[in-house]
Amino acid sequence: MSDKLEAYLAEIGRFLSGRAEREEILSEIRSHILEKSSAERGGDGEAALEAAIAAYGPARRVAETYLEDKPIIAPVYLRFLARYTALLFAVHGLLTVFAVACKKSFVIFPFLFMPRLGVIDALMYLPTAFLADLGFVALVLHLITRSGRDVRLPWPRFSVDLDEVRPPRKAVWNALGFAAMLAVTGFALYVYAKARTLFVINFDLDAPRRLLTPAADERASLIVLALLVTGTAAALARIFTRSRWVDVASDALSLGFFGLLLRQPLEGAFAVPLPERLLPFLKVNLRIVLLIVAVFVAVDLVKNLIAIGRRKV
């Protein structure tokens, strides 16, 4: 057998997957080339074989003709790529918030390991988590496609009909929402400019009595202001666009700010004397409230990501 033919077949094989399938395709191509070289030149000499190989075309293009009807992920499953990736990534994001807030690492063996993360670490970790989720879902869907079985993949009904559950709001409501957020944010900025804090226990802003110590107060006040500014900017954007990406960006930033709030140490943070028995109760309940609000934001983020994924496919 010609070395050139074997080299040509080996080059085609580089672009094919599956050992049995590859051998079958290469055997078919070998037969076609030998038959063509014999028919065109009346023999099986090297010249006739080289001409037949040249006429057959570049190795990559030949391989692609055999793969045209064999997608990596079947079209019927393609929409689930965005759906399941969005769902997994939303869960990943929520767990990341808990890891940052609790300042602990935890394991859900053998599926997940969440290391102890800081805020910056979490922001660096999430893109990697997204790629891991996308790769895992793509691998599962590829294996289902290769199996050739008719698999009915589950998907909650409520998530398919998100647009029906929450139709876009009218422009007037968006404008009213922006006006309300602007008023709240403006008042908060005024209080902070006058008292250099948002947490006061009297109404005299010229001589405020701080609830928190200056070190704890400054950071907490700035985080709350950032949350309000984020909400105001999102409300303004909703006046001009109905894109769910506005909600995704707002929810993602808000989750980050809630993570910062949850990481604030409460030991020695209060500037006013508190009963010794009340302090542990106050710490626990404050964190629970922040976590509940963060969960609601995370749920909204999940819904928006799923809706975007559904529209993309």
C-alpha atoms as a PDB file:
ATOM      1  CA  MET A   1       0.000   0.000   0.000  1.00  0.00           C
ATOM      2  CA  SER A   2       1.252   3.513  -0.868  1.00  0.00           C
ATOM      3  CA  ASP A   3       2.865   5.471   1.961  1.00  0.00           C
ATOM      4  CA  LYS A   4       1.298   8.632   0.542  1.00  0.00           C
ATOM      5  CA  LEU A   5      -2.193   7.132   0.744  1.00  0.00           C
ATOM      6  CA  GLU A   6      -1.625   5.981   4.320  1.00  0.00           C
ATOM      7  CA  ALA A   7      -0.284   9.402   5.285  1.00  0.00           C
ATOM      8  CA  TYR A   8      -3.319  11.030   3.657  1.00  0.00           C
ATOM      9  CA  LEU A   9      -5.705   8.724   5.522  1.00  0.00           C
ATOM     10  CA  ALA A  10      -3.864   9.355   8.794  1.00  0.00           C
ATOM     11  CA  GLU A  11      -4.251  13.106   8.252  1.00  0.00           C
ATOM     12  CA  ILE A  12      -8.009  12.676   7.705  1.00  0.00           C
ATOM     13  CA  GLY A  13      -8.197  10.497  10.825  1.00  0.00           C
ATOM     14  CA  ARG A  14      -6.861  13.360  12.948  1.00  0.00           C
ATOM     15  CA  PHE A  15     -10.140  15.214  12.377  1.00  0.00           C
ATOM     16  CA  LEU A  16     -12.422  12.253  13.137  1.00  0.00           C
ATOM     17  CA  SER A  17     -13.570  10.952  16.518  1.00  0.00           C
ATOM     18  CA  GLY A  18     -14.575   7.488  17.684  1.00  0.00           C
ATOM     19  CA  ARG A  19     -12.267   4.594  16.837  1.00  0.00           C
ATOM     20  CA  ALA A  20     -14.836   2.297  15.193  1.00  0.00           C
ATOM     21  CA  GLU A  21     -16.433   5.144  13.260  1.00  0.00           C
ATOM     22  CA  ARG A  22     -13.035   6.472  12.178  1.00  0.00           C
ATOM     23  CA  GLU A  23     -11.870   3.099  10.864  1.00  0.00           C
ATOM     24  CA  GLU A  24     -15.105   2.672   8.904  1.00  0.00           C
ATOM     25  CA  ILE A  25     -14.791   6.105   7.285  1.00  0.00           C
ATOM     26  CA  LEU A  26     -11.104   5.661   6.447  1.00  0.00           C
ATOM     27  CA  SER A  27     -11.797   2.243   4.928  1.00  0.00           C
ATOM     28  CA  GLU A  28     -14.472   3.763   2.725  1.00  0.00           C
ATOM     29  CA  ILE A  29     -12.187   6.598   1.605  1.00  0.00           C
ATOM     30  CA  ARG A  30      -9.366   4.132   0.872  1.00  0.00           C
ATOM     31  CA  SER A  31     -11.677   2.068  -1.345  1.00  0.00           C
ATOM     32  CA  HIS A  32     -12.910   5.135  -3.228  1.00  0.00           C
ATOM     33  CA  ILE A  33      -9.392   6.428  -3.893  1.00  0.00           C
ATOM     34  CA  LEU A  34      -8.093   3.046  -5.072  1.00  0.00           C
ATOM     35  CA  GLU A  35     -11.133   2.559  -7.293  1.00  0.00           C
ATOM     36  CA  LYS A  36     -10.808   6.029  -8.767  1.00  0.00           C
ATOM     37  CA  SER A  37      -7.077   5.710  -9.440  1.00  0.00           C
ATOM     38  CA  SER A  38      -7.644   2.366 -11.146  1.00  0.00           C
ATOM     39  CA  ALA A  39     -10.521   3.641 -13.306  1.00  0.00           C
ATOM     40  CA  GLU A  40      -8.968   6.916 -14.447  1.00  0.00           C
ATOM     41  CA  ARG A  41      -5.491   5.769 -15.387  1.00  0.00           C
ATOM     42  CA  GLY A  42      -6.112   2.082 -16.060  1.00  0.00           C
ATOM     43  CA  GLY A  43      -3.759   1.001 -13.260  1.00  0.00           C
ATOM     44  CA  ASP A  44      -2.754   1.465  -9.651  1.00  0.00           C
ATOM     45  CA  GLY A  45       0.612   3.163 -10.102  1.00  0.00           C
ATOM     46  CA  GLU A  46       1.940   5.938  -7.891  1.00  0.00           C
ATOM     47  CA  ALA A  47       1.079   8.667 -10.409  1.00  0.00           C
ATOM     48  CA  ALA A  48      -2.534   7.531 -10.693  1.00  0.00           C
ATOM     49  CA  LEU A  49      -2.811   7.273  -6.915  1.00  0.00           C
ATOM     50  CA  GLU A  50      -1.387  10.754  -6.340  1.00  0.00           C
ATOM     51  CA  ALA A  51      -3.831  12.198  -8.865  1.00  0.00           C
ATOM     52  CA  ALA A  52      -6.764  10.471  -7.132  1.00  0.00           C
ATOM     53  CA  ILE A  53      -5.634  11.783  -3.720  1.00  0.00           C
ATOM     54  CA  ALA A  54      -5.277  15.321  -5.079  1.00  0.00           C
ATOM     55  CA  ALA A  55      -8.740  15.138  -6.636  1.00  0.00           C
ATOM     56  CA  TYR A  56     -10.259  13.922  -3.369  1.00  0.00           C
ATOM     57  CA  GLY A  57      -9.391  17.215  -1.668  1.00  0.00           C
ATOM     58  CA  PRO A  58      -7.718  18.505   1.514  1.00  0.00           C
ATOM     59  CA  ALA A  59      -7.845  16.108   4.453  1.00  0.00           C
ATOM     60  CA  ARG A  60      -9.739  18.467   6.759  1.00  0.00           C
ATOM     61  CA  ARG A  61     -12.417  19.236   4.168  1.00  0.00           C
ATOM     62  CA  VAL A  62     -12.909  15.536   3.473  1.00  0.00           C
ATOM     63  CA  ALA A  63     -13.320  14.812   7.195  1.00  0.00           C
ATOM     64  CA  GLU A  64     -15.841  17.641   7.544  1.00  0.00           C
ATOM     65  CA  THR A  65     -18.065  16.139   4.842  1.00  0.00           C
ATOM     66  CA  TYR A  66     -18.449  13.040   7.008  1.00  0.00           C
ATOM     67  CA  LEU A  67     -19.224  15.123  10.097  1.00  0.00           C
ATOM     68  CA  GLU A  68     -21.810  17.490   8.610  1.00  0.00           C
ATOM     69  CA  ASP A  69     -24.775  15.396   9.722  1.00  0.00           C
ATOM     70  CA  LYS A  70     -23.225  14.458  13.085  1.00  0.00           C
ATOM     71  CA  PRO A  71     -23.382  17.508  15.366  1.00  0.00           C
ATOM     72  CA  ILE A  72     -21.513  17.545  18.657  1.00  0.00           C
ATOM     73  CA  ILE A  73     -24.788  18.376  20.395  1.00  0.00           C
ATOM     74  CA  ALA A  74     -28.074  17.496  18.701  1.00  0.00           C
ATOM     75  CA  PRO A  75     -30.213  20.570  17.868  1.00  0.00           C
ATOM     76  CA  VAL A  76     -33.043  19.237  20.041  1.00  0.00           C
ATOM     77  CA  TYR A  77     -30.709  19.410  23.068  1.00  0.00           C
ATOM     78  CA  LEU A  78     -28.920  22.622  22.147  1.00  0.00           C
ATOM     79  CA  ARG A  79     -31.343  24.893  24.007  1.00  0.00           C
ATOM     80  CA  PHE A  80     -30.583  22.979  27.216  1.00  0.00           C
ATOM     81  CA  LEU A  81     -26.937  24.049  26.970  1.00  0.00           C
ATOM     82  CA  ALA A  82     -27.843  27.637  27.881  1.00  0.00           C
ATOM     83  CA  ARG A  83     -30.570  26.588  30.331  1.00  0.00           C
ATOM     84  CA  TYR A  84     -28.558  24.126  32.397  1.00  0.00           C
ATOM     85  CA  THR A  85     -25.410  26.259  32.284  1.00  0.00           C
ATOM     86  CA  ALA A  86     -27.349  29.273  33.578  1.00  0.00           C
ATOM     87  CA  LEU A  87     -28.911  27.179  36.336  1.00  0.00           C
ATOM     88  CA  LEU A  88     -25.603  25.622  37.433  1.00  0.00           C
ATOM     89  CA  PHE A  89     -23.797  28.945  37.334  1.00  0.00           C
ATOM     90  CA  ALA A  90     -26.530  30.595  39.393  1.00  0.00           C
ATOM     91  CA  VAL A  91     -26.153  27.879  42.035  1.00  0.00           C
ATOM     92  CA  HIS A  92     -22.385  28.335  41.861  1.00  0.00           C
ATOM     93  CA  GLY A  93     -22.816  32.075  42.357  1.00  0.00           C
ATOM     94  CA  LEU A  94     -25.113  31.618  45.346  1.00  0.00           C
ATOM     95  CA  LEU A  95     -22.700  29.167  46.973  1.00  0.00           C
ATOM     96  CA  THR A  96     -19.868  31.606  46.342  1.00  0.00           C
ATOM     97  CA  VAL A  97     -21.778  34.291  48.235  1.00  0.00           C
ATOM     98  CA  PHE A  98     -22.199  31.893  51.163  1.00  0.00           C
ATOM     99  CA  ALA A  99     -18.498  30.977  51.033  1.00  0.00           C
ATOM    100  CA  VAL A 100     -17.525  34.660  51.160  1.00  0.00           C
ATOM    101  CA  ALA A 101     -20.053  35.466  53.873  1.00  0.00           C
ATOM    102  CA  CYS A 102     -19.287  32.488  56.119  1.00  0.00           C
ATOM    103  CA  LYS A 103     -15.517  32.709  55.543  1.00  0.00           C
ATOM    104  CA  LYS A 104     -15.305  28.924  55.343  1.00  0.00           C
ATOM    105  CA  SER A 105     -14.595  26.279  52.720  1.00  0.00           C
ATOM    106  CA  PHE A 106     -17.017  23.391  52.289  1.00  0.00           C
ATOM    107  CA  VAL A 107     -17.344  20.269  50.176  1.00  0.00           C
ATOM    108  CA  ILE A 108     -20.354  18.619  48.541  1.00  0.00           C
ATOM    109  CA  PHE A 109     -18.558  15.401  47.609  1.00  0.00           C
ATOM    110  CA  PRO A 110     -18.018  14.461  44.828  1.00  0.00           C
ATOM    111  CA  PHE A 111     -19.666  17.341  42.995  1.00  0.00           C
ATOM    112  CA  LEU A 112     -18.342  20.562  44.422  1.00  0.00           C
ATOM    113  CA  PHE A 113     -15.553  22.074  46.467  1.00  0.00           C
ATOM    114  CA  MET A 114     -15.902  25.687  47.553  1.00  0.00           C
ATOM    115  CA  PRO A 115     -12.689  27.129  48.978  1.00  0.00           C
ATOM    116  CA  ARG A 116     -12.626  29.934  51.507  1.00  0.00           C
ATOM    117  CA  LEU A 117     -12.843  33.064  49.395  1.00  0.00           C
ATOM    118  CA  GLY A 118     -12.416  36.760  49.777  1.00  0.00           C
ATOM    119  CA  VAL A 119     -14.426  39.191  47.667  1.00  0.00           C
ATOM    120  CA  ILE A 120     -11.654  39.668  45.098  1.00  0.00           C
ATOM    121  CA  ASP A 121     -10.996  35.919  45.082  1.00  0.00           C
ATOM    122  CA  ALA A 122     -14.701  35.299  44.412  1.00  0.00           C
ATOM    123  CA  LEU A 123     -14.739  37.712  41.473  1.00  0.00           C
ATOM    124  CA  MET A 124     -11.759  35.861  39.990  1.00  0.00           C
ATOM    125  CA  TYR A 125     -13.309  32.465  40.767  1.00  0.00           C
ATOM    126  CA  LEU A 126     -16.714  33.002  39.129  1.00  0.00           C
ATOM    127  CA  PRO A 127     -15.504  33.188  35.477  1.00  0.00           C
ATOM    128  CA  THR A 128     -13.677  29.891  36.007  1.00  0.00           C
ATOM    129  CA  ALA A 129     -16.820  28.412  37.578  1.00  0.00           C
ATOM    130  CA  PHE A 130     -18.846  29.507  34.548  1.00  0.00           C
ATOM    131  CA  LEU A 131     -16.432  27.801  32.145  1.00  0.00           C
ATOM    132  CA  ALA A 132     -16.515  24.635  34.276  1.00  0.00           C
ATOM    133  CA  ASP A 133     -20.331  24.627  34.305  1.00  0.00           C
ATOM    134  CA  LEU A 134     -20.490  25.214  30.549  1.00  0.00           C
ATOM    135  CA  GLY A 135     -17.994  22.425  29.882  1.00  0.00           C
ATOM    136  CA  PHE A 136     -19.784  19.964  32.160  1.00  0.00           C
ATOM    137  CA  VAL A 137     -23.194  20.593  30.569  1.00  0.00           C
ATOM    138  CA  ALA A 138     -21.721  20.428  27.043  1.00  0.00           C
ATOM    139  CA  LEU A 139     -20.031  17.112  27.859  1.00  0.00           C
ATOM    140  CA  VAL A 140     -23.256  15.576  29.197  1.00  0.00           C
ATOM    141  CA  LEU A 141     -25.270  16.742  26.180  1.00  0.00           C
ATOM    142  CA  HIS A 142     -22.558  15.470  23.822  1.00  0.00           C
ATOM    143  CA  LEU A 143     -22.640  12.030  25.443  1.00  0.00           C
ATOM    144  CA  ILE A 144     -26.439  11.965  25.175  1.00  0.00           C
ATOM    145  CA  THR A 145     -26.154  12.905  21.492  1.00  0.00           C
ATOM    146  CA  ARG A 146     -23.559  10.202  20.845  1.00  0.00           C
ATOM    147  CA  SER A 147     -25.733   7.587  22.555  1.00  0.00           C
ATOM    148  CA  GLY A 148     -28.426   8.034  19.909  1.00  0.00           C
ATOM    149  CA  ARG A 149     -31.167   7.560  22.495  1.00  0.00           C
ATOM    150  CA  ASP A 150     -34.307   9.672  22.719  1.00  0.00           C
ATOM    151  CA  VAL A 151     -33.754  11.263  26.135  1.00  0.00           C
ATOM    152  CA  ARG A 152     -36.372  13.639  27.524  1.00  0.00           C
ATOM    153  CA  LEU A 153     -34.452  16.174  29.571  1.00  0.00           C
ATOM    154  CA  PRO A 154     -36.321  17.664  32.541  1.00  0.00           C
ATOM    155  CA  TRP A 155     -36.994  21.366  32.870  1.00  0.00           C
ATOM    156  CA  PRO A 156     -39.359  23.132  35.294  1.00  0.00           C
ATOM    157  CA  ARG A 157     -42.425  24.572  33.624  1.00  0.00           C
ATOM    158  CA  PHE A 158     -42.189  27.886  35.452  1.00  0.00           C
ATOM    159  CA  SER A 159     -38.778  28.648  33.977  1.00  0.00           C
ATOM    160  CA  VAL A 160     -39.928  28.044  30.409  1.00  0.00           C
ATOM    161  CA  ASP A 161     -42.735  30.551  30.818  1.00  0.00           C
ATOM    162  CA  LEU A 162     -40.799  33.284  32.596  1.00  0.00           C
ATOM    163  CA  ASP A 163     -41.817  35.915  30.066  1.00  0.00           C
ATOM    164  CA  GLU A 164     -45.463  35.065  30.672  1.00  0.00           C
ATOM    165  CA  VAL A 165     -45.011  35.071  34.449  1.00  0.00           C
ATOM    166  CA  ARG A 166     -43.281  38.443  34.505  1.00  0.00           C
ATOM    167  CA  PRO A 167     -44.196  40.530  31.444  1.00  0.00           C
ATOM    168  CA  PRO A 168     -42.200  43.704  30.803  1.00  0.00           C
ATOM    169  CA  ARG A 169     -43.399  46.676  32.843  1.00  0.00           C
ATOM    170  CA  LYS A 170     -44.799  49.765  31.183  1.00  0.00           C
ATOM    171  CA  ALA A 171     -42.562  52.801  30.766  1.00  0.00           C
ATOM    172  CA  VAL A 172     -44.528  54.829  33.329  1.00  0.00           C
ATOM    173  CA  TRP A 173     -43.810  52.260  36.067  1.00  0.00           C
ATOM    174  CA  ASN A 174     -40.144  52.240  35.125  1.00  0.00           C
ATOM    175  CA  ALA A 175     -40.094  56.038  35.403  1.00  0.00           C
ATOM    176  CA  LEU A 176     -41.819  55.939  38.803  1.00  0.00           C
ATOM    177  CA  GLY A 177     -39.387  53.285  40.012  1.00  0.00           C
ATOM    178  CA  PHE A 178     -36.446  55.421  38.933  1.00  0.00           C
ATOM    179  CA  ALA A 179     -37.933  58.499  40.654  1.00  0.00           C
ATOM    180  CA  ALA A 180     -38.377  56.568  43.907  1.00  0.00           C
ATOM    181  CA  MET A 181     -34.844  55.141  43.809  1.00  0.00           C
ATOM    182  CA  LEU A 182     -33.419  58.554  42.937  1.00  0.00           C
ATOM    183  CA  ALA A 183     -35.215  60.124  45.915  1.00  0.00           C
ATOM    184  CA  VAL A 184     -33.994  57.451  48.341  1.00  0.00           C
ATOM    185  CA  THR A 185     -30.435  57.592  47.003  1.00  0.00           C
ATOM    186  CA  GLY A 186     -30.421  61.390  47.048  1.00  0.00           C
ATOM    187  CA  PHE A 187     -31.597  61.452  50.666  1.00  0.00           C
ATOM    188  CA  ALA A 188     -28.965  58.863  51.651  1.00  0.00           C
ATOM    189  CA  LEU A 189     -26.245  60.916  49.965  1.00  0.00           C
ATOM    190  CA  TYR A 190     -27.468  64.049  51.768  1.00  0.00           C
ATOM    191  CA  VAL A 191     -27.376  62.272  55.144  1.00  0.00           C
ATOM    192  CA  TYR A 192     -23.896  60.912  54.461  1.00  0.00           C
ATOM    193  CA  ALA A 193     -22.630  64.329  53.324  1.00  0.00           C
ATOM    194  CA  LYS A 194     -23.960  65.978  56.501  1.00  0.00           C
ATOM    195  CA  ALA A 195     -23.226  63.317  59.099  1.00  0.00           C
ATOM    196  CA  ARG A 196     -20.500  61.246  57.351  1.00  0.00           C
ATOM    197  CA  THR A 197     -22.595  58.192  58.213  1.00  0.00           C
ATOM    198  CA  LEU A 198     -25.910  56.542  57.344  1.00  0.00           C
ATOM    199  CA  PHE A 199     -26.342  54.870  60.735  1.00  0.00           C
ATOM    200  CA  VAL A 200     -27.481  57.402  63.311  1.00  0.00           C
ATOM    201  CA  ILE A 201     -29.785  57.069  66.324  1.00  0.00           C
ATOM    202  CA  ASN A 202     -30.877  60.702  66.524  1.00  0.00           C
ATOM    203  CA  PHE A 203     -32.309  63.210  64.037  1.00  0.00           C
ATOM    204  CA  ASP A 204     -29.734  65.968  64.492  1.00  0.00           C
ATOM    205  CA  LEU A 205     -27.452  65.582  61.456  1.00  0.00           C
ATOM    206  CA  ASP A 206     -25.266  68.467  62.609  1.00  0.00           C
ATOM    207  CA  ALA A 207     -24.432  66.530  65.785  1.00  0.00           C
ATOM    208  CA  PRO A 208     -25.165  62.917  64.879  1.00  0.00           C
ATOM    209  CA  ARG A 209     -24.934  60.096  67.368  1.00  0.00           C
ATOM    210  CA  ARG A 210     -23.377  57.166  65.565  1.00  0.00           C
ATOM    211  CA  LEU A 211     -24.722  53.662  65.888  1.00  0.00           C
ATOM    212  CA  LEU A 212     -21.418  52.167  64.701  1.00  0.00           C
ATOM    213  CA  THR A 213     -17.791  52.948  65.388  1.00  0.00           C
ATOM    214  CA  PRO A 214     -16.077  55.149  62.770  1.00  0.00           C
ATOM    215  CA  ALA A 215     -14.020  52.264  61.356  1.00  0.00           C
ATOM    216  CA  ALA A 216     -17.043  50.003  60.865  1.00  0.00           C
ATOM    217  CA  ASP A 217     -19.388  52.842  59.940  1.00  0.00           C
ATOM    218  CA  GLU A 218     -17.431  54.251  57.001  1.00  0.00           C
ATOM    219  CA  ARG A 219     -17.182  50.970  55.096  1.00  0.00           C
ATOM    220  CA  ALA A 220     -20.788  49.904  55.816  1.00  0.00           C
ATOM    221  CA  SER A 221     -22.134  53.313  54.766  1.00  0.00           C
ATOM    222  CA  LEU A 222     -20.195  53.255  51.492  1.00  0.00           C
ATOM    223  CA  ILE A 223     -21.420  49.724  50.689  1.00  0.00           C
ATOM    224  CA  VAL A 224     -25.049  50.721  51.317  1.00  0.00           C
ATOM    225  CA  LEU A 225     -24.585  53.807  49.144  1.00  0.00           C
ATOM    226  CA  ALA A 226     -23.119  51.616  46.396  1.00  0.00           C
ATOM    227  CA  LEU A 227     -26.178  49.339  46.619  1.00  0.00           C
ATOM    228  CA  LEU A 228     -28.504  52.330  46.270  1.00  0.00           C
ATOM    229  CA  VAL A 229     -26.550  53.791  43.348  1.00  0.00           C
ATOM    230  CA  THR A 230     -26.616  50.396  41.602  1.00  0.00           C
ATOM    231  CA  GLY A 231     -30.395  50.178  42.024  1.00  0.00           C
ATOM    232  CA  THR A 232     -30.855  53.740  40.762  1.00  0.00           C
ATOM    233  CA  ALA A 233     -28.667  53.151  37.707  1.00  0.00           C
ATOM    234  CA  ALA A 234     -30.584  49.954  36.895  1.00  0.00           C
ATOM    235  CA  ALA A 235     -33.920  51.763  37.262  1.00  0.00           C
ATOM    236  CA  LEU A 236     -32.705  54.480  34.882  1.00  0.00           C
ATOM    237  CA  ALA A 237     -31.532  51.905  32.329  1.00  0.00           C
ATOM    238  CA  ARG A 238     -34.944  50.176  32.425  1.00  0.00           C
ATOM    239  CA  ILE A 239     -36.565  53.358  31.117  1.00  0.00           C
ATOM    240  CA  PHE A 240     -34.617  53.037  27.862  1.00  0.00           C
ATOM    241  CA  THR A 241     -34.309  49.277  27.444  1.00  0.00           C
ATOM    242  CA  ARG A 242     -36.170  46.096  28.355  1.00  0.00           C
ATOM    243  CA  SER A 243     -33.024  43.979  28.192  1.00  0.00           C
ATOM    244  CA  ARG A 244     -32.721  41.494  31.031  1.00  0.00           C
ATOM    245  CA  TRP A 245     -28.972  42.084  31.000  1.00  0.00           C
ATOM    246  CA  VAL A 246     -29.691  45.225  33.039  1.00  0.00           C
ATOM    247  CA  ASP A 247     -31.245  43.070  35.776  1.00  0.00           C
ATOM    248  CA  VAL A 248     -28.407  40.532  35.541  1.00  0.00           C
ATOM    249  CA  ALA A 249     -25.762  43.232  35.987  1.00  0.00           C
ATOM    250  CA  SER A 250     -27.696  44.866  38.835  1.00  0.00           C
ATOM    251  CA  ASP A 251     -28.276  41.547  40.638  1.00  0.00           C
ATOM    252  CA  ALA A 252     -24.648  40.458  40.227  1.00  0.00           C
ATOM    253  CA  LEU A 253     -23.312  43.757  41.629  1.00  0.00           C
ATOM    254  CA  SER A 254     -25.843  43.694  44.467  1.00  0.00           C
ATOM    255  CA  LEU A 255     -24.796  40.159  45.430  1.00  0.00           C
ATOM    256  CA  GLY A 256     -21.204  41.327  45.579  1.00  0.00           C
ATOM    257  CA  PHE A 257     -22.132  44.229  47.869  1.00  0.00           C
ATOM    258  CA  PHE A 258     -24.194  41.935  50.109  1.00  0.00           C
ATOM    259  CA  GLY A 259     -21.171  39.679  50.334  1.00  0.00           C
ATOM    260  CA  LEU A 260     -19.104  42.661  51.515  1.00  0.00           C
ATOM    261  CA  LEU A 261     -21.718  43.539  54.118  1.00  0.00           C
ATOM    262  CA  LEU A 262     -21.830  39.978  55.392  1.00  0.00           C
ATOM    263  CA  ARG A 263     -18.063  39.967  55.789  1.00  0.00           C
ATOM    264  CA  GLN A 264     -18.047  43.014  58.062  1.00  0.00           C
ATOM    265  CA  PRO A 265     -16.993  42.000  61.586  1.00  0.00           C
ATOM    266  CA  LEU A 266     -19.555  42.899  64.242  1.00  0.00           C
ATOM    267  CA  GLU A 267     -17.259  42.499  67.231  1.00  0.00           C
ATOM    268  CA  GLY A 268     -16.671  45.982  68.611  1.00  0.00           C
ATOM    269  CA  ALA A 269     -18.587  47.549  65.723  1.00  0.00           C
ATOM    270  CA  PHE A 270     -21.282  49.238  67.829  1.00  0.00           C
ATOM    271  CA  ALA A 271     -20.578  52.688  69.214  1.00  0.00           C
ATOM    272  CA  VAL A 272     -23.489  52.557  71.660  1.00  0.00           C
ATOM    273  CA  PRO A 273     -23.534  50.240  74.685  1.00  0.00           C
ATOM    274  CA  LEU A 274     -25.627  47.138  74.175  1.00  0.00           C
ATOM    275  CA  PRO A 275     -26.708  44.505  76.716  1.00  0.00           C
ATOM    276  CA  GLU A 276     -24.362  41.548  76.711  1.00  0.00           C
ATOM    277  CA  ARG A 277     -27.215  39.113  76.043  1.00  0.00           C
ATOM    278  CA  LEU A 278     -28.588  41.160  73.155  1.00  0.00           C
ATOM    279  CA  LEU A 279     -25.360  41.303  71.137  1.00  0.00           C
ATOM    280  CA  PRO A 280     -25.234  37.618  69.946  1.00  0.00           C
ATOM    281  CA  PHE A 281     -28.948  37.743  69.108  1.00  0.00           C
ATOM    282  CA  LEU A 282     -28.462  40.942  67.116  1.00  0.00           C
ATOM    283  CA  LYS A 283     -25.467  39.559  65.211  1.00  0.00           C
ATOM    284  CA  VAL A 284     -27.256  36.365  64.176  1.00  0.00           C
ATOM    285  CA  ASN A 285     -30.473  38.086  63.133  1.00  0.00           C
ATOM    286  CA  LEU A 286     -28.688  40.790  61.173  1.00  0.00           C
ATOM    287  CA  ARG A 287     -26.802  38.174  59.158  1.00  0.00           C
ATOM    288  CA  ILE A 288     -29.985  36.155  58.602  1.00  0.00           C
ATOM    289  CA  VAL A 289     -31.789  39.214  57.228  1.00  0.00           C
ATOM    290  CA  LEU A 290     -28.910  40.018  54.875  1.00  0.00           C
ATOM    291  CA  LEU A 291     -28.740  36.389  53.711  1.00  0.00           C
ATOM    292  CA  ILE A 292     -32.485  36.282  53.031  1.00  0.00           C
ATOM    293  CA  VAL A 293     -32.290  39.445  50.926  1.00  0.00           C
ATOM    294  CA  ALA A 294     -29.233  38.049  49.110  1.00  0.00           C
ATOM    295  CA  VAL A 295     -31.144  34.834  48.361  1.00  0.00           C
ATOM    296  CA  PHE A 296     -34.020  36.793  46.818  1.00  0.00           C
ATOM    297  CA  VAL A 297     -31.532  38.709  44.658  1.00  0.00           C
ATOM    298  CA  ALA A 298     -29.863  35.437  43.664  1.00  0.00           C
ATOM    299  CA  VAL A 299     -33.236  33.920  42.696  1.00  0.00           C
ATOM    300  CA  ASP A 300     -33.961  36.927  40.488  1.00  0.00           C
ATOM    301  CA  LEU A 301     -30.512  36.537  38.940  1.00  0.00           C
ATOM    302  CA  VAL A 302     -31.270  32.871  38.190  1.00  0.00           C
ATOM    303  CA  LYS A 303     -34.594  33.754  36.548  1.00  0.00           C
ATOM    304  CA  ASN A 304     -33.017  36.401  34.343  1.00  0.00           C
ATOM    305  CA  LEU A 305     -30.134  34.161  33.289  1.00  0.00           C
ATOM    306  CA  ILE A 306     -32.558  31.364  32.391  1.00  0.00           C
ATOM    307  CA  ALA A 307     -34.759  33.747  30.416  1.00  0.00           C
ATOM    308  CA  ILE A 308     -31.732  35.082  28.494  1.00  0.00           C
ATOM    309  CA  GLY A 309     -30.532  31.545  27.804  1.00  0.00           C
ATOM    310  CA  ARG A 310     -33.973  30.526  26.519  1.00  0.00           C
ATOM    311  CA  ARG A 311     -34.103  33.456  24.113  1.00  0.00           C
ATOM    312  CA  LYS A 312     -30.583  32.874  22.808  1.00  0.00           C
ATOM    313  CA  VAL A 313     -31.451  29.372  21.638  1.00  0.00           C
END
